[in-house]
């Protein structure tokens, strides 16, 4: 899946979104 939006949205997700941070 993917999330599409602003650059700031992408950046905050790379820092805090738990499925992104803890899944290969």
PDBML (XML) file of the C-alpha atoms, coordinates in Angstrom:
<?xml version="1.0" encoding="UTF-8" ?>
<PDBx:datablock datablockName="MODEL"
   xmlns:PDBx="http://pdbml.pdb.org/schema/pdbx-v50.xsd"
   xmlns:xsi="http://www.w3.org/2001/XMLSchema-instance"
   xsi:schemaLocation="http://pdbml.pdb.org/schema/pdbx-v50.xsd pdbx-v50.xsd">
   <PDBx:atom_siteCategory>
      <PDBx:atom_site id="1">
         <PDBx:B_iso_or_equiv>0.00</PDBx:B_iso_or_equiv>
         <PDBx:Cartn_x>0.000</PDBx:Cartn_x>
         <PDBx:Cartn_y>0.000</PDBx:Cartn_y>
         <PDBx:Cartn_z>0.000</PDBx:Cartn_z>
         <PDBx:auth_asym_id>A</PDBx:auth_asym_id>
         <PDBx:auth_atom_id>CA</PDBx:auth_atom_id>
         <PDBx:auth_comp_id>UNK</PDBx:auth_comp_id>
         <PDBx:auth_seq_id>1</PDBx:auth_seq_id>
         <PDBx:group_PDB>ATOM</PDBx:group_PDB>
         <PDBx:label_alt_id xsi:nil="true" />
         <PDBx:label_asym_id>A</PDBx:label_asym_id>
         <PDBx:label_atom_id>CA</PDBx:label_atom_id>
         <PDBx:label_comp_id>UNK</PDBx:label_comp_id>
         <PDBx:label_entity_id>1</PDBx:label_entity_id>
         <PDBx:label_seq_id>1</PDBx:label_seq_id>
         <PDBx:occupancy>1.00</PDBx:occupancy>
         <PDBx:pdbx_PDB_model_num>1</PDBx:pdbx_PDB_model_num>
         <PDBx:type_symbol>C</PDBx:type_symbol>
      </PDBx:atom_site>
      <PDBx:atom_site id="2">
         <PDBx:B_iso_or_equiv>0.00</PDBx:B_iso_or_equiv>
         <PDBx:Cartn_x>1.049</PDBx:Cartn_x>
         <PDBx:Cartn_y>3.621</PDBx:Cartn_y>
         <PDBx:Cartn_z>-0.127</PDBx:Cartn_z>
         <PDBx:auth_asym_id>A</PDBx:auth_asym_id>
         <PDBx:auth_atom_id>CA</PDBx:auth_atom_id>
         <PDBx:auth_comp_id>UNK</PDBx:auth_comp_id>
         <PDBx:auth_seq_id>2</PDBx:auth_seq_id>
         <PDBx:group_PDB>ATOM</PDBx:group_PDB>
         <PDBx:label_alt_id xsi:nil="true" />
         <PDBx:label_asym_id>A</PDBx:label_asym_id>
         <PDBx:label_atom_id>CA</PDBx:label_atom_id>
         <PDBx:label_comp_id>UNK</PDBx:label_comp_id>
         <PDBx:label_entity_id>1</PDBx:label_entity_id>
         <PDBx:label_seq_id>2</PDBx:label_seq_id>
         <PDBx:occupancy>1.00</PDBx:occupancy>
         <PDBx:pdbx_PDB_model_num>1</PDBx:pdbx_PDB_model_num>
         <PDBx:type_symbol>C</PDBx:type_symbol>
      </PDBx:atom_site>
      <PDBx:atom_site id="3">
         <PDBx:B_iso_or_equiv>0.00</PDBx:B_iso_or_equiv>
         <PDBx:Cartn_x>0.228</PDBx:Cartn_x>
         <PDBx:Cartn_y>7.047</PDBx:Cartn_y>
         <PDBx:Cartn_z>1.250</PDBx:Cartn_z>
         <PDBx:auth_asym_id>A</PDBx:auth_asym_id>
         <PDBx:auth_atom_id>CA</PDBx:auth_atom_id>
         <PDBx:auth_comp_id>UNK</PDBx:auth_comp_id>
         <PDBx:auth_seq_id>3</PDBx:auth_seq_id>
         <PDBx:group_PDB>ATOM</PDBx:group_PDB>
         <PDBx:label_alt_id xsi:nil="true" />
         <PDBx:label_asym_id>A</PDBx:label_asym_id>
         <PDBx:label_atom_id>CA</PDBx:label_atom_id>
         <PDBx:label_comp_id>UNK</PDBx:label_comp_id>
         <PDBx:label_entity_id>1</PDBx:label_entity_id>
         <PDBx:label_seq_id>3</PDBx:label_seq_id>
         <PDBx:occupancy>1.00</PDBx:occupancy>
         <PDBx:pdbx_PDB_model_num>1</PDBx:pdbx_PDB_model_num>
         <PDBx:type_symbol>C</PDBx:type_symbol>
      </PDBx:atom_site>
      <PDBx:atom_site id="4">
         <PDBx:B_iso_or_equiv>0.00</PDBx:B_iso_or_equiv>
         <PDBx:Cartn_x>0.274</PDBx:Cartn_x>
         <PDBx:Cartn_y>9.937</PDBx:Cartn_y>
         <PDBx:Cartn_z>-1.224</PDBx:Cartn_z>
         <PDBx:auth_asym_id>A</PDBx:auth_asym_id>
         <PDBx:auth_atom_id>CA</PDBx:auth_atom_id>
         <PDBx:auth_comp_id>UNK</PDBx:auth_comp_id>
         <PDBx:auth_seq_id>4</PDBx:auth_seq_id>
         <PDBx:group_PDB>ATOM</PDBx:group_PDB>
         <PDBx:label_alt_id xsi:nil="true" />
         <PDBx:label_asym_id>A</PDBx:label_asym_id>
         <PDBx:label_atom_id>CA</PDBx:label_atom_id>
         <PDBx:label_comp_id>UNK</PDBx:label_comp_id>
         <PDBx:label_entity_id>1</PDBx:label_entity_id>
         <PDBx:label_seq_id>4</PDBx:label_seq_id>
         <PDBx:occupancy>1.00</PDBx:occupancy>
         <PDBx:pdbx_PDB_model_num>1</PDBx:pdbx_PDB_model_num>
         <PDBx:type_symbol>C</PDBx:type_symbol>
      </PDBx:atom_site>
      <PDBx:atom_site id="5">
         <PDBx:B_iso_or_equiv>0.00</PDBx:B_iso_or_equiv>
         <PDBx:Cartn_x>0.363</PDBx:Cartn_x>
         <PDBx:Cartn_y>13.595</PDBx:Cartn_y>
         <PDBx:Cartn_z>-0.203</PDBx:Cartn_z>
         <PDBx:auth_asym_id>A</PDBx:auth_asym_id>
         <PDBx:auth_atom_id>CA</PDBx:auth_atom_id>
         <PDBx:auth_comp_id>UNK</PDBx:auth_comp_id>
         <PDBx:auth_seq_id>5</PDBx:auth_seq_id>
         <PDBx:group_PDB>ATOM</PDBx:group_PDB>
         <PDBx:label_alt_id xsi:nil="true" />
         <PDBx:label_asym_id>A</PDBx:label_asym_id>
         <PDBx:label_atom_id>CA</PDBx:label_atom_id>
         <PDBx:label_comp_id>UNK</PDBx:label_comp_id>
         <PDBx:label_entity_id>1</PDBx:label_entity_id>
         <PDBx:label_seq_id>5</PDBx:label_seq_id>
         <PDBx:occupancy>1.00</PDBx:occupancy>
         <PDBx:pdbx_PDB_model_num>1</PDBx:pdbx_PDB_model_num>
         <PDBx:type_symbol>C</PDBx:type_symbol>
      </PDBx:atom_site>
      <PDBx:atom_site id="6">
         <PDBx:B_iso_or_equiv>0.00</PDBx:B_iso_or_equiv>
         <PDBx:Cartn_x>2.778</PDBx:Cartn_x>
         <PDBx:Cartn_y>16.333</PDBx:Cartn_y>
         <PDBx:Cartn_z>0.779</PDBx:Cartn_z>
         <PDBx:auth_asym_id>A</PDBx:auth_asym_id>
         <PDBx:auth_atom_id>CA</PDBx:auth_atom_id>
         <PDBx:auth_comp_id>UNK</PDBx:auth_comp_id>
         <PDBx:auth_seq_id>6</PDBx:auth_seq_id>
         <PDBx:group_PDB>ATOM</PDBx:group_PDB>
         <PDBx:label_alt_id xsi:nil="true" />
         <PDBx:label_asym_id>A</PDBx:label_asym_id>
         <PDBx:label_atom_id>CA</PDBx:label_atom_id>
         <PDBx:label_comp_id>UNK</PDBx:label_comp_id>
         <PDBx:label_entity_id>1</PDBx:label_entity_id>
         <PDBx:label_seq_id>6</PDBx:label_seq_id>
         <PDBx:occupancy>1.00</PDBx:occupancy>
         <PDBx:pdbx_PDB_model_num>1</PDBx:pdbx_PDB_model_num>
         <PDBx:type_symbol>C</PDBx:type_symbol>
      </PDBx:atom_site>
      <PDBx:atom_site id="7">
         <PDBx:B_iso_or_equiv>0.00</PDBx:B_iso_or_equiv>
         <PDBx:Cartn_x>6.503</PDBx:Cartn_x>
         <PDBx:Cartn_y>15.979</PDBx:Cartn_y>
         <PDBx:Cartn_z>1.352</PDBx:Cartn_z>
         <PDBx:auth_asym_id>A</PDBx:auth_asym_id>
         <PDBx:auth_atom_id>CA</PDBx:auth_atom_id>
         <PDBx:auth_comp_id>UNK</PDBx:auth_comp_id>
         <PDBx:auth_seq_id>7</PDBx:auth_seq_id>
         <PDBx:group_PDB>ATOM</PDBx:group_PDB>
         <PDBx:label_alt_id xsi:nil="true" />
         <PDBx:label_asym_id>A</PDBx:label_asym_id>
         <PDBx:label_atom_id>CA</PDBx:label_atom_id>
         <PDBx:label_comp_id>UNK</PDBx:label_comp_id>
         <PDBx:label_entity_id>1</PDBx:label_entity_id>
         <PDBx:label_seq_id>7</PDBx:label_seq_id>
         <PDBx:occupancy>1.00</PDBx:occupancy>
         <PDBx:pdbx_PDB_model_num>1</PDBx:pdbx_PDB_model_num>
         <PDBx:type_symbol>C</PDBx:type_symbol>
      </PDBx:atom_site>
      <PDBx:atom_site id="8">
         <PDBx:B_iso_or_equiv>0.00</PDBx:B_iso_or_equiv>
         <PDBx:Cartn_x>5.974</PDBx:Cartn_x>
         <PDBx:Cartn_y>16.871</PDBx:Cartn_y>
         <PDBx:Cartn_z>5.021</PDBx:Cartn_z>
         <PDBx:auth_asym_id>A</PDBx:auth_asym_id>
         <PDBx:auth_atom_id>CA</PDBx:auth_atom_id>
         <PDBx:auth_comp_id>UNK</PDBx:auth_comp_id>
         <PDBx:auth_seq_id>8</PDBx:auth_seq_id>
         <PDBx:group_PDB>ATOM</PDBx:group_PDB>
         <PDBx:label_alt_id xsi:nil="true" />
         <PDBx:label_asym_id>A</PDBx:label_asym_id>
         <PDBx:label_atom_id>CA</PDBx:label_atom_id>
         <PDBx:label_comp_id>UNK</PDBx:label_comp_id>
         <PDBx:label_entity_id>1</PDBx:label_entity_id>
         <PDBx:label_seq_id>8</PDBx:label_seq_id>
         <PDBx:occupancy>1.00</PDBx:occupancy>
         <PDBx:pdbx_PDB_model_num>1</PDBx:pdbx_PDB_model_num>
         <PDBx:type_symbol>C</PDBx:type_symbol>
      </PDBx:atom_site>
      <PDBx:atom_site id="9">
         <PDBx:B_iso_or_equiv>0.00</PDBx:B_iso_or_equiv>
         <PDBx:Cartn_x>3.435</PDBx:Cartn_x>
         <PDBx:Cartn_y>14.053</PDBx:Cartn_y>
         <PDBx:Cartn_z>5.352</PDBx:Cartn_z>
         <PDBx:auth_asym_id>A</PDBx:auth_asym_id>
         <PDBx:auth_atom_id>CA</PDBx:auth_atom_id>
         <PDBx:auth_comp_id>UNK</PDBx:auth_comp_id>
         <PDBx:auth_seq_id>9</PDBx:auth_seq_id>
         <PDBx:group_PDB>ATOM</PDBx:group_PDB>
         <PDBx:label_alt_id xsi:nil="true" />
         <PDBx:label_asym_id>A</PDBx:label_asym_id>
         <PDBx:label_atom_id>CA</PDBx:label_atom_id>
         <PDBx:label_comp_id>UNK</PDBx:label_comp_id>
         <PDBx:label_entity_id>1</PDBx:label_entity_id>
         <PDBx:label_seq_id>9</PDBx:label_seq_id>
         <PDBx:occupancy>1.00</PDBx:occupancy>
         <PDBx:pdbx_PDB_model_num>1</PDBx:pdbx_PDB_model_num>
         <PDBx:type_symbol>C</PDBx:type_symbol>
      </PDBx:atom_site>
      <PDBx:atom_site id="10">
         <PDBx:B_iso_or_equiv>0.00</PDBx:B_iso_or_equiv>
         <PDBx:Cartn_x>5.924</PDBx:Cartn_x>
         <PDBx:Cartn_y>11.580</PDBx:Cartn_y>
         <PDBx:Cartn_z>3.916</PDBx:Cartn_z>
         <PDBx:auth_asym_id>A</PDBx:auth_asym_id>
         <PDBx:auth_atom_id>CA</PDBx:auth_atom_id>
         <PDBx:auth_comp_id>UNK</PDBx:auth_comp_id>
         <PDBx:auth_seq_id>10</PDBx:auth_seq_id>
         <PDBx:group_PDB>ATOM</PDBx:group_PDB>
         <PDBx:label_alt_id xsi:nil="true" />
         <PDBx:label_asym_id>A</PDBx:label_asym_id>
         <PDBx:label_atom_id>CA</PDBx:label_atom_id>
         <PDBx:label_comp_id>UNK</PDBx:label_comp_id>
         <PDBx:label_entity_id>1</PDBx:label_entity_id>
         <PDBx:label_seq_id>10</PDBx:label_seq_id>
         <PDBx:occupancy>1.00</PDBx:occupancy>
         <PDBx:pdbx_PDB_model_num>1</PDBx:pdbx_PDB_model_num>
         <PDBx:type_symbol>C</PDBx:type_symbol>
      </PDBx:atom_site>
      <PDBx:atom_site id="11">
         <PDBx:B_iso_or_equiv>0.00</PDBx:B_iso_or_equiv>
         <PDBx:Cartn_x>8.679</PDBx:Cartn_x>
         <PDBx:Cartn_y>12.786</PDBx:Cartn_y>
         <PDBx:Cartn_z>6.226</PDBx:Cartn_z>
         <PDBx:auth_asym_id>A</PDBx:auth_asym_id>
         <PDBx:auth_atom_id>CA</PDBx:auth_atom_id>
         <PDBx:auth_comp_id>UNK</PDBx:auth_comp_id>
         <PDBx:auth_seq_id>11</PDBx:auth_seq_id>
         <PDBx:group_PDB>ATOM</PDBx:group_PDB>
         <PDBx:label_alt_id xsi:nil="true" />
         <PDBx:label_asym_id>A</PDBx:label_asym_id>
         <PDBx:label_atom_id>CA</PDBx:label_atom_id>
         <PDBx:label_comp_id>UNK</PDBx:label_comp_id>
         <PDBx:label_entity_id>1</PDBx:label_entity_id>
         <PDBx:label_seq_id>11</PDBx:label_seq_id>
         <PDBx:occupancy>1.00</PDBx:occupancy>
         <PDBx:pdbx_PDB_model_num>1</PDBx:pdbx_PDB_model_num>
         <PDBx:type_symbol>C</PDBx:type_symbol>
      </PDBx:atom_site>
      <PDBx:atom_site id="12">
         <PDBx:B_iso_or_equiv>0.00</PDBx:B_iso_or_equiv>
         <PDBx:Cartn_x>6.603</PDBx:Cartn_x>
         <PDBx:Cartn_y>12.538</PDBx:Cartn_y>
         <PDBx:Cartn_z>9.417</PDBx:Cartn_z>
         <PDBx:auth_asym_id>A</PDBx:auth_asym_id>
         <PDBx:auth_atom_id>CA</PDBx:auth_atom_id>
         <PDBx:auth_comp_id>UNK</PDBx:auth_comp_id>
         <PDBx:auth_seq_id>12</PDBx:auth_seq_id>
         <PDBx:group_PDB>ATOM</PDBx:group_PDB>
         <PDBx:label_alt_id xsi:nil="true" />
         <PDBx:label_asym_id>A</PDBx:label_asym_id>
         <PDBx:label_atom_id>CA</PDBx:label_atom_id>
         <PDBx:label_comp_id>UNK</PDBx:label_comp_id>
         <PDBx:label_entity_id>1</PDBx:label_entity_id>
         <PDBx:label_seq_id>12</PDBx:label_seq_id>
         <PDBx:occupancy>1.00</PDBx:occupancy>
         <PDBx:pdbx_PDB_model_num>1</PDBx:pdbx_PDB_model_num>
         <PDBx:type_symbol>C</PDBx:type_symbol>
      </PDBx:atom_site>
      <PDBx:atom_site id="13">
         <PDBx:B_iso_or_equiv>0.00</PDBx:B_iso_or_equiv>
         <PDBx:Cartn_x>5.488</PDBx:Cartn_x>
         <PDBx:Cartn_y>9.035</PDBx:Cartn_y>
         <PDBx:Cartn_z>8.441</PDBx:Cartn_z>
         <PDBx:auth_asym_id>A</PDBx:auth_asym_id>
         <PDBx:auth_atom_id>CA</PDBx:auth_atom_id>
         <PDBx:auth_comp_id>UNK</PDBx:auth_comp_id>
         <PDBx:auth_seq_id>13</PDBx:auth_seq_id>
         <PDBx:group_PDB>ATOM</PDBx:group_PDB>
         <PDBx:label_alt_id xsi:nil="true" />
         <PDBx:label_asym_id>A</PDBx:label_asym_id>
         <PDBx:label_atom_id>CA</PDBx:label_atom_id>
         <PDBx:label_comp_id>UNK</PDBx:label_comp_id>
         <PDBx:label_entity_id>1</PDBx:label_entity_id>
         <PDBx:label_seq_id>13</PDBx:label_seq_id>
         <PDBx:occupancy>1.00</PDBx:occupancy>
         <PDBx:pdbx_PDB_model_num>1</PDBx:pdbx_PDB_model_num>
         <PDBx:type_symbol>C</PDBx:type_symbol>
      </PDBx:atom_site>
      <PDBx:atom_site id="14">
         <PDBx:B_iso_or_equiv>0.00</PDBx:B_iso_or_equiv>
         <PDBx:Cartn_x>9.101</PDBx:Cartn_x>
         <PDBx:Cartn_y>7.912</PDBx:Cartn_y>
         <PDBx:Cartn_z>7.989</PDBx:Cartn_z>
         <PDBx:auth_asym_id>A</PDBx:auth_asym_id>
         <PDBx:auth_atom_id>CA</PDBx:auth_atom_id>
         <PDBx:auth_comp_id>UNK</PDBx:auth_comp_id>
         <PDBx:auth_seq_id>14</PDBx:auth_seq_id>
         <PDBx:group_PDB>ATOM</PDBx:group_PDB>
         <PDBx:label_alt_id xsi:nil="true" />
         <PDBx:label_asym_id>A</PDBx:label_asym_id>
         <PDBx:label_atom_id>CA</PDBx:label_atom_id>
         <PDBx:label_comp_id>UNK</PDBx:label_comp_id>
         <PDBx:label_entity_id>1</PDBx:label_entity_id>
         <PDBx:label_seq_id>14</PDBx:label_seq_id>
         <PDBx:occupancy>1.00</PDBx:occupancy>
         <PDBx:pdbx_PDB_model_num>1</PDBx:pdbx_PDB_model_num>
         <PDBx:type_symbol>C</PDBx:type_symbol>
      </PDBx:atom_site>
      <PDBx:atom_site id="15">
         <PDBx:B_iso_or_equiv>0.00</PDBx:B_iso_or_equiv>
         <PDBx:Cartn_x>9.797</PDBx:Cartn_x>
         <PDBx:Cartn_y>9.102</PDBx:Cartn_y>
         <PDBx:Cartn_z>11.541</PDBx:Cartn_z>
         <PDBx:auth_asym_id>A</PDBx:auth_asym_id>
         <PDBx:auth_atom_id>CA</PDBx:auth_atom_id>
         <PDBx:auth_comp_id>UNK</PDBx:auth_comp_id>
         <PDBx:auth_seq_id>15</PDBx:auth_seq_id>
         <PDBx:group_PDB>ATOM</PDBx:group_PDB>
         <PDBx:label_alt_id xsi:nil="true" />
         <PDBx:label_asym_id>A</PDBx:label_asym_id>
         <PDBx:label_atom_id>CA</PDBx:label_atom_id>
         <PDBx:label_comp_id>UNK</PDBx:label_comp_id>
         <PDBx:label_entity_id>1</PDBx:label_entity_id>
         <PDBx:label_seq_id>15</PDBx:label_seq_id>
         <PDBx:occupancy>1.00</PDBx:occupancy>
         <PDBx:pdbx_PDB_model_num>1</PDBx:pdbx_PDB_model_num>
         <PDBx:type_symbol>C</PDBx:type_symbol>
      </PDBx:atom_site>
      <PDBx:atom_site id="16">
         <PDBx:B_iso_or_equiv>0.00</PDBx:B_iso_or_equiv>
         <PDBx:Cartn_x>6.679</PDBx:Cartn_x>
         <PDBx:Cartn_y>7.978</PDBx:Cartn_y>
         <PDBx:Cartn_z>13.415</PDBx:Cartn_z>
         <PDBx:auth_asym_id>A</PDBx:auth_asym_id>
         <PDBx:auth_atom_id>CA</PDBx:auth_atom_id>
         <PDBx:auth_comp_id>UNK</PDBx:auth_comp_id>
         <PDBx:auth_seq_id>16</PDBx:auth_seq_id>
         <PDBx:group_PDB>ATOM</PDBx:group_PDB>
         <PDBx:label_alt_id xsi:nil="true" />
         <PDBx:label_asym_id>A</PDBx:label_asym_id>
         <PDBx:label_atom_id>CA</PDBx:label_atom_id>
         <PDBx:label_comp_id>UNK</PDBx:label_comp_id>
         <PDBx:label_entity_id>1</PDBx:label_entity_id>
         <PDBx:label_seq_id>16</PDBx:label_seq_id>
         <PDBx:occupancy>1.00</PDBx:occupancy>
         <PDBx:pdbx_PDB_model_num>1</PDBx:pdbx_PDB_model_num>
         <PDBx:type_symbol>C</PDBx:type_symbol>
      </PDBx:atom_site>
      <PDBx:atom_site id="17">
         <PDBx:B_iso_or_equiv>0.00</PDBx:B_iso_or_equiv>
         <PDBx:Cartn_x>4.470</PDBx:Cartn_x>
         <PDBx:Cartn_y>5.526</PDBx:Cartn_y>
         <PDBx:Cartn_z>11.533</PDBx:Cartn_z>
         <PDBx:auth_asym_id>A</PDBx:auth_asym_id>
         <PDBx:auth_atom_id>CA</PDBx:auth_atom_id>
         <PDBx:auth_comp_id>UNK</PDBx:auth_comp_id>
         <PDBx:auth_seq_id>17</PDBx:auth_seq_id>
         <PDBx:group_PDB>ATOM</PDBx:group_PDB>
         <PDBx:label_alt_id xsi:nil="true" />
         <PDBx:label_asym_id>A</PDBx:label_asym_id>
         <PDBx:label_atom_id>CA</PDBx:label_atom_id>
         <PDBx:label_comp_id>UNK</PDBx:label_comp_id>
         <PDBx:label_entity_id>1</PDBx:label_entity_id>
         <PDBx:label_seq_id>17</PDBx:label_seq_id>
         <PDBx:occupancy>1.00</PDBx:occupancy>
         <PDBx:pdbx_PDB_model_num>1</PDBx:pdbx_PDB_model_num>
         <PDBx:type_symbol>C</PDBx:type_symbol>
      </PDBx:atom_site>
      <PDBx:atom_site id="18">
         <PDBx:B_iso_or_equiv>0.00</PDBx:B_iso_or_equiv>
         <PDBx:Cartn_x>4.853</PDBx:Cartn_x>
         <PDBx:Cartn_y>2.265</PDBx:Cartn_y>
         <PDBx:Cartn_z>13.432</PDBx:Cartn_z>
         <PDBx:auth_asym_id>A</PDBx:auth_asym_id>
         <PDBx:auth_atom_id>CA</PDBx:auth_atom_id>
         <PDBx:auth_comp_id>UNK</PDBx:auth_comp_id>
         <PDBx:auth_seq_id>18</PDBx:auth_seq_id>
         <PDBx:group_PDB>ATOM</PDBx:group_PDB>
         <PDBx:label_alt_id xsi:nil="true" />
         <PDBx:label_asym_id>A</PDBx:label_asym_id>
         <PDBx:label_atom_id>CA</PDBx:label_atom_id>
         <PDBx:label_comp_id>UNK</PDBx:label_comp_id>
         <PDBx:label_entity_id>1</PDBx:label_entity_id>
         <PDBx:label_seq_id>18</PDBx:label_seq_id>
         <PDBx:occupancy>1.00</PDBx:occupancy>
         <PDBx:pdbx_PDB_model_num>1</PDBx:pdbx_PDB_model_num>
         <PDBx:type_symbol>C</PDBx:type_symbol>
      </PDBx:atom_site>
      <PDBx:atom_site id="19">
         <PDBx:B_iso_or_equiv>0.00</PDBx:B_iso_or_equiv>
         <PDBx:Cartn_x>4.110</PDBx:Cartn_x>
         <PDBx:Cartn_y>-0.168</PDBx:Cartn_y>
         <PDBx:Cartn_z>10.550</PDBx:Cartn_z>
         <PDBx:auth_asym_id>A</PDBx:auth_asym_id>
         <PDBx:auth_atom_id>CA</PDBx:auth_atom_id>
         <PDBx:auth_comp_id>UNK</PDBx:auth_comp_id>
         <PDBx:auth_seq_id>19</PDBx:auth_seq_id>
         <PDBx:group_PDB>ATOM</PDBx:group_PDB>
         <PDBx:label_alt_id xsi:nil="true" />
         <PDBx:label_asym_id>A</PDBx:label_asym_id>
         <PDBx:label_atom_id>CA</PDBx:label_atom_id>
         <PDBx:label_comp_id>UNK</PDBx:label_comp_id>
         <PDBx:label_entity_id>1</PDBx:label_entity_id>
         <PDBx:label_seq_id>19</PDBx:label_seq_id>
         <PDBx:occupancy>1.00</PDBx:occupancy>
         <PDBx:pdbx_PDB_model_num>1</PDBx:pdbx_PDB_model_num>
         <PDBx:type_symbol>C</PDBx:type_symbol>
      </PDBx:atom_site>
      <PDBx:atom_site id="20">
         <PDBx:B_iso_or_equiv>0.00</PDBx:B_iso_or_equiv>
         <PDBx:Cartn_x>6.815</PDBx:Cartn_x>
         <PDBx:Cartn_y>1.587</PDBx:Cartn_y>
         <PDBx:Cartn_z>8.524</PDBx:Cartn_z>
         <PDBx:auth_asym_id>A</PDBx:auth_asym_id>
         <PDBx:auth_atom_id>CA</PDBx:auth_atom_id>
         <PDBx:auth_comp_id>UNK</PDBx:auth_comp_id>
         <PDBx:auth_seq_id>20</PDBx:auth_seq_id>
         <PDBx:group_PDB>ATOM</PDBx:group_PDB>
         <PDBx:label_alt_id xsi:nil="true" />
         <PDBx:label_asym_id>A</PDBx:label_asym_id>
         <PDBx:label_atom_id>CA</PDBx:label_atom_id>
         <PDBx:label_comp_id>UNK</PDBx:label_comp_id>
         <PDBx:label_entity_id>1</PDBx:label_entity_id>
         <PDBx:label_seq_id>20</PDBx:label_seq_id>
         <PDBx:occupancy>1.00</PDBx:occupancy>
         <PDBx:pdbx_PDB_model_num>1</PDBx:pdbx_PDB_model_num>
         <PDBx:type_symbol>C</PDBx:type_symbol>
      </PDBx:atom_site>
      <PDBx:atom_site id="21">
         <PDBx:B_iso_or_equiv>0.00</PDBx:B_iso_or_equiv>
         <PDBx:Cartn_x>9.320</PDBx:Cartn_x>
         <PDBx:Cartn_y>1.648</PDBx:Cartn_y>
         <PDBx:Cartn_z>11.401</PDBx:Cartn_z>
         <PDBx:auth_asym_id>A</PDBx:auth_asym_id>
         <PDBx:auth_atom_id>CA</PDBx:auth_atom_id>
         <PDBx:auth_comp_id>UNK</PDBx:auth_comp_id>
         <PDBx:auth_seq_id>21</PDBx:auth_seq_id>
         <PDBx:group_PDB>ATOM</PDBx:group_PDB>
         <PDBx:label_alt_id xsi:nil="true" />
         <PDBx:label_asym_id>A</PDBx:label_asym_id>
         <PDBx:label_atom_id>CA</PDBx:label_atom_id>
         <PDBx:label_comp_id>UNK</PDBx:label_comp_id>
         <PDBx:label_entity_id>1</PDBx:label_entity_id>
         <PDBx:label_seq_id>21</PDBx:label_seq_id>
         <PDBx:occupancy>1.00</PDBx:occupancy>
         <PDBx:pdbx_PDB_model_num>1</PDBx:pdbx_PDB_model_num>
         <PDBx:type_symbol>C</PDBx:type_symbol>
      </PDBx:atom_site>
      <PDBx:atom_site id="22">
         <PDBx:B_iso_or_equiv>0.00</PDBx:B_iso_or_equiv>
         <PDBx:Cartn_x>8.890</PDBx:Cartn_x>
         <PDBx:Cartn_y>-1.956</PDBx:Cartn_y>
         <PDBx:Cartn_z>12.518</PDBx:Cartn_z>
         <PDBx:auth_asym_id>A</PDBx:auth_asym_id>
         <PDBx:auth_atom_id>CA</PDBx:auth_atom_id>
         <PDBx:auth_comp_id>UNK</PDBx:auth_comp_id>
         <PDBx:auth_seq_id>22</PDBx:auth_seq_id>
         <PDBx:group_PDB>ATOM</PDBx:group_PDB>
         <PDBx:label_alt_id xsi:nil="true" />
         <PDBx:label_asym_id>A</PDBx:label_asym_id>
         <PDBx:label_atom_id>CA</PDBx:label_atom_id>
         <PDBx:label_comp_id>UNK</PDBx:label_comp_id>
         <PDBx:label_entity_id>1</PDBx:label_entity_id>
         <PDBx:label_seq_id>22</PDBx:label_seq_id>
         <PDBx:occupancy>1.00</PDBx:occupancy>
         <PDBx:pdbx_PDB_model_num>1</PDBx:pdbx_PDB_model_num>
         <PDBx:type_symbol>C</PDBx:type_symbol>
      </PDBx:atom_site>
      <PDBx:atom_site id="23">
         <PDBx:B_iso_or_equiv>0.00</PDBx:B_iso_or_equiv>
         <PDBx:Cartn_x>8.302</PDBx:Cartn_x>
         <PDBx:Cartn_y>-3.980</PDBx:Cartn_y>
         <PDBx:Cartn_z>9.329</PDBx:Cartn_z>
         <PDBx:auth_asym_id>A</PDBx:auth_asym_id>
         <PDBx:auth_atom_id>CA</PDBx:auth_atom_id>
         <PDBx:auth_comp_id>UNK</PDBx:auth_comp_id>
         <PDBx:auth_seq_id>23</PDBx:auth_seq_id>
         <PDBx:group_PDB>ATOM</PDBx:group_PDB>
         <PDBx:label_alt_id xsi:nil="true" />
         <PDBx:label_asym_id>A</PDBx:label_asym_id>
         <PDBx:label_atom_id>CA</PDBx:label_atom_id>
         <PDBx:label_comp_id>UNK</PDBx:label_comp_id>
         <PDBx:label_entity_id>1</PDBx:label_entity_id>
         <PDBx:label_seq_id>23</PDBx:label_seq_id>
         <PDBx:occupancy>1.00</PDBx:occupancy>
         <PDBx:pdbx_PDB_model_num>1</PDBx:pdbx_PDB_model_num>
         <PDBx:type_symbol>C</PDBx:type_symbol>
      </PDBx:atom_site>
      <PDBx:atom_site id="24">
         <PDBx:B_iso_or_equiv>0.00</PDBx:B_iso_or_equiv>
         <PDBx:Cartn_x>10.871</PDBx:Cartn_x>
         <PDBx:Cartn_y>-5.160</PDBx:Cartn_y>
         <PDBx:Cartn_z>6.818</PDBx:Cartn_z>
         <PDBx:auth_asym_id>A</PDBx:auth_asym_id>
         <PDBx:auth_atom_id>CA</PDBx:auth_atom_id>
         <PDBx:auth_comp_id>UNK</PDBx:auth_comp_id>
         <PDBx:auth_seq_id>24</PDBx:auth_seq_id>
         <PDBx:group_PDB>ATOM</PDBx:group_PDB>
         <PDBx:label_alt_id xsi:nil="true" />
         <PDBx:label_asym_id>A</PDBx:label_asym_id>
         <PDBx:label_atom_id>CA</PDBx:label_atom_id>
         <PDBx:label_comp_id>UNK</PDBx:label_comp_id>
         <PDBx:label_entity_id>1</PDBx:label_entity_id>
         <PDBx:label_seq_id>24</PDBx:label_seq_id>
         <PDBx:occupancy>1.00</PDBx:occupancy>
         <PDBx:pdbx_PDB_model_num>1</PDBx:pdbx_PDB_model_num>
         <PDBx:type_symbol>C</PDBx:type_symbol>
      </PDBx:atom_site>
   </PDBx:atom_siteCategory>
</PDBx:datablock>
